[in-house]
Amino acid sequence: MTHYVAADMRGNYISRLIKPVADFPKPGLTFRDITPALQDPKALRNSIDLFAERYANSGLTQIVAVEARGFIFAAALADRLGIGLTLMRKAGKLPREVFSTSYTLEYGDDILELHKDALKPRDKVVVMDDMLATGGTMTAAVHLLQRTPATVVEAAFVCELLYLNGRKAMDKLGVNSYAICAFDE
């Protein structure tokens, strides 16, 4: 599979704002905090610009956002592209009949859900989250999408943590990925 990282000054600008936080959410882990990049209007605009440039004229019909930080970027991108936004939520937050899957994170277990009627046969989607780490969340997201009639074009992230090997999970799924920036450690 192909994995793209934006080679762009705007991506470098964004990556400099993402702060490492040691021992969060538990000892031994380093969390990458994207909130400084959200607080900086230039970084936020640059991130949406980079995604929009990548997916302009791609024939996408929906951006699928993974709760919660994926919502931020996916909503802005869907608006920019003039397409729909589909939400993938944690357990118990969607009111209609859902597809559901459990998954393991580096710091615990969780469940993702998607409305069964959210996507149609002609839908072409990009599934978006803020970070590709071990690939656990995105693996669960893609498994949910594979239960729908939609076509998954790509998985998109603001950042990829290369040292956690999430690309291997994407390869196993047969899904290309795109990240604005990447960290080696």
Protein backbone atom coordinates (compact mmCIF):
# COMPACT_ATOMS: atom_id res chain seq x y z
CA MET A 1 0.00 0.00 0.00
CA THR A 2 1.04 3.59 -0.38
CA HIS A 3 1.57 5.93 2.53
CA TYR A 4 1.96 9.62 1.86
CA VAL A 5 3.28 12.30 4.18
CA ALA A 6 2.90 15.85 2.92
CA ALA A 7 6.32 17.24 1.99
CA ASP A 8 5.34 20.85 2.44
CA MET A 9 6.39 23.85 4.53
CA ARG A 10 2.84 24.05 5.85
CA GLY A 11 3.14 20.51 7.26
CA ASN A 12 6.44 21.45 8.89
CA TYR A 13 4.81 24.49 10.46
CA ILE A 14 2.01 22.34 11.87
CA SER A 15 4.38 19.66 13.19
CA ARG A 16 6.40 22.24 15.15
CA LEU A 17 3.25 23.17 17.07
CA ILE A 18 2.32 19.62 18.11
CA LYS A 19 3.66 19.10 21.61
CA PRO A 20 4.90 15.83 23.12
CA VAL A 21 3.50 15.13 26.60
CA ALA A 22 5.39 12.45 28.52
CA ASP A 23 3.57 9.82 30.58
CA PHE A 24 0.09 10.67 29.30
CA PRO A 25 -2.47 9.11 29.41
CA LYS A 26 -0.42 6.61 31.39
CA PRO A 27 3.23 6.17 32.42
CA GLY A 28 5.57 5.23 29.60
CA LEU A 29 3.49 6.74 26.80
CA THR A 30 4.20 9.99 24.98
CA PHE A 31 1.05 11.74 23.85
CA ARG A 32 1.18 14.12 20.88
CA ASP A 33 -1.03 17.09 21.73
CA ILE A 34 -2.54 18.71 18.65
CA THR A 35 -4.37 21.46 20.57
CA PRO A 36 -1.60 24.06 20.02
CA ALA A 37 -1.98 23.50 16.26
CA LEU A 38 -5.73 24.02 16.61
CA GLN A 39 -5.21 27.24 18.57
CA ASP A 40 -2.99 28.67 15.83
CA PRO A 41 -5.25 29.94 13.02
CA LYS A 42 -2.50 29.57 10.40
CA ALA A 43 -1.84 25.94 11.35
CA LEU A 44 -5.53 25.07 11.38
CA ARG A 45 -6.09 26.71 7.99
CA ASN A 46 -2.97 25.04 6.58
CA SER A 47 -4.15 21.61 7.70
CA ILE A 48 -7.51 22.01 6.00
CA ASP A 49 -5.81 23.47 2.90
CA LEU A 50 -3.51 20.45 2.63
CA PHE A 51 -6.38 17.99 2.96
CA ALA A 52 -8.53 19.97 0.51
CA GLU A 53 -5.75 20.07 -2.08
CA ARG A 54 -5.27 16.33 -1.78
CA TYR A 55 -8.96 15.44 -2.16
CA ALA A 56 -10.16 18.14 -4.57
CA ASN A 57 -11.63 16.56 -7.72
CA SER A 58 -11.35 13.07 -6.17
CA GLY A 59 -15.03 12.25 -6.46
CA LEU A 60 -15.48 11.89 -2.71
CA THR A 61 -19.06 12.02 -1.45
CA GLN A 62 -18.45 11.82 2.32
CA ILE A 63 -15.72 12.40 4.86
CA VAL A 64 -16.06 9.87 7.69
CA ALA A 65 -14.85 11.34 10.98
CA VAL A 66 -13.62 9.26 13.91
CA GLU A 67 -14.57 10.60 17.35
CA ALA A 68 -13.46 12.95 18.68
CA ARG A 69 -10.53 14.92 17.28
CA GLY A 70 -11.20 13.58 13.79
CA PHE A 71 -14.46 15.56 13.88
CA ILE A 72 -12.60 18.88 13.88
CA PHE A 73 -10.70 18.33 10.66
CA ALA A 74 -13.33 16.25 8.89
CA ALA A 75 -16.10 18.81 9.39
CA ALA A 76 -13.99 21.64 8.02
CA LEU A 77 -12.83 19.51 5.09
CA ALA A 78 -16.33 18.33 4.21
CA ASP A 79 -17.49 21.94 4.21
CA ARG A 80 -14.56 23.03 2.05
CA LEU A 81 -15.17 20.23 -0.47
CA GLY A 82 -18.96 20.69 -0.45
CA ILE A 83 -19.63 17.07 0.54
CA GLY A 84 -21.25 15.26 3.45
CA LEU A 85 -19.87 14.38 6.86
CA THR A 86 -20.50 11.00 8.47
CA LEU A 87 -19.71 10.52 12.16
CA MET A 88 -18.21 7.42 13.72
CA ARG A 89 -18.87 7.58 17.46
CA LYS A 90 -18.02 5.82 20.68
CA ALA A 91 -20.54 3.27 21.97
CA GLY A 92 -24.04 4.42 22.86
CA LYS A 93 -23.93 7.87 21.25
CA LEU A 94 -25.73 7.19 17.96
CA PRO A 95 -29.55 6.99 18.11
CA ARG A 96 -30.34 4.65 15.21
CA GLU A 97 -29.33 1.07 14.40
CA VAL A 98 -25.52 0.76 14.26
CA PHE A 99 -22.64 -1.39 13.18
CA SER A 100 -20.34 -1.80 16.16
CA THR A 101 -16.80 -3.04 16.72
CA SER A 102 -14.46 -3.19 19.70
CA TYR A 103 -10.76 -2.48 19.46
CA THR A 104 -7.64 -2.13 21.57
CA LEU A 105 -5.66 1.05 22.02
CA GLU A 106 -2.19 1.38 23.48
CA TYR A 107 -3.90 2.42 26.73
CA GLY A 108 -7.14 0.41 26.84
CA ASP A 109 -10.15 -0.93 24.95
CA ASP A 110 -12.97 0.95 23.25
CA ILE A 111 -15.93 0.54 20.90
CA LEU A 112 -16.71 2.44 17.69
CA GLU A 113 -20.14 2.63 16.07
CA LEU A 114 -21.54 3.79 12.75
CA HIS A 115 -25.17 4.16 11.70
CA LYS A 116 -26.07 1.23 9.44
CA ASP A 117 -27.84 3.54 7.00
CA ALA A 118 -25.16 6.25 6.93
CA LEU A 119 -23.51 5.33 3.63
CA LYS A 120 -24.85 4.32 0.24
CA PRO A 121 -23.44 2.16 -2.60
CA ARG A 122 -22.21 5.17 -4.60
CA ASP A 123 -20.39 6.75 -1.66
CA LYS A 124 -16.64 7.24 -1.93
CA VAL A 125 -15.16 8.12 1.44
CA VAL A 126 -12.01 9.20 3.21
CA VAL A 127 -11.93 8.20 6.85
CA MET A 128 -10.22 10.81 9.02
CA ASP A 129 -8.70 10.98 12.47
CA ASP A 130 -6.13 13.24 14.06
CA MET A 131 -3.39 10.65 14.59
CA LEU A 132 -2.15 7.34 13.19
CA ALA A 133 -0.39 5.59 16.07
CA THR A 134 -0.67 1.79 16.37
CA GLY A 135 -3.50 1.70 13.85
CA GLY A 136 -6.01 0.19 16.29
CA THR A 137 -8.63 2.91 15.98
CA MET A 138 -8.34 3.16 12.21
CA THR A 139 -8.47 -0.63 11.84
CA ALA A 140 -11.76 -0.61 13.73
CA ALA A 141 -13.02 2.30 11.62
CA VAL A 142 -12.16 0.58 8.34
CA HIS A 143 -13.75 -2.68 9.53
CA LEU A 144 -16.97 -0.77 10.19
CA LEU A 145 -16.81 0.87 6.77
CA GLN A 146 -16.26 -2.49 5.10
CA ARG A 147 -19.67 -3.52 6.42
CA THR A 148 -21.27 -0.71 4.38
CA PRO A 149 -21.66 -0.48 0.60
CA ALA A 150 -19.30 2.55 0.44
CA THR A 151 -15.81 2.56 -1.07
CA VAL A 152 -12.94 3.60 1.22
CA VAL A 153 -10.54 5.72 -0.83
CA GLU A 154 -7.99 6.49 1.89
CA ALA A 155 -7.36 7.06 5.58
CA ALA A 156 -6.23 10.59 6.46
CA PHE A 157 -4.48 11.97 9.54
CA VAL A 158 -2.96 15.17 10.75
CA CYS A 159 -0.01 13.21 12.19
CA GLU A 160 1.53 9.80 11.93
CA LEU A 161 3.67 8.35 14.71
CA LEU A 162 6.02 6.28 12.57
CA TYR A 163 7.62 4.49 15.53
CA LEU A 164 4.29 2.85 16.47
CA ASN A 165 3.96 1.13 13.07
CA GLY A 166 0.35 2.01 12.29
CA ARG A 167 1.25 1.71 8.60
CA LYS A 168 1.44 -2.05 9.03
CA ALA A 169 -2.20 -2.08 10.13
CA MET A 170 -3.15 0.00 7.08
CA ASP A 171 -1.21 -2.38 4.82
CA LYS A 172 -3.07 -5.38 6.27
CA LEU A 173 -6.34 -3.62 5.51
CA GLY A 174 -5.28 -2.71 1.98
CA VAL A 175 -5.84 0.98 2.66
CA ASN A 176 -3.65 3.87 1.52
CA SER A 177 -2.95 6.58 4.07
CA TYR A 178 -2.10 10.27 4.03
CA ALA A 179 -0.68 12.36 6.87
CA ILE A 180 0.22 16.02 7.00
CA CYS A 181 3.20 15.39 9.27
CA ALA A 182 5.03 12.46 10.85
CA PHE A 183 7.18 11.89 13.92
CA ASP A 184 10.02 9.36 14.16
CA GLU A 185 9.99 9.28 17.96
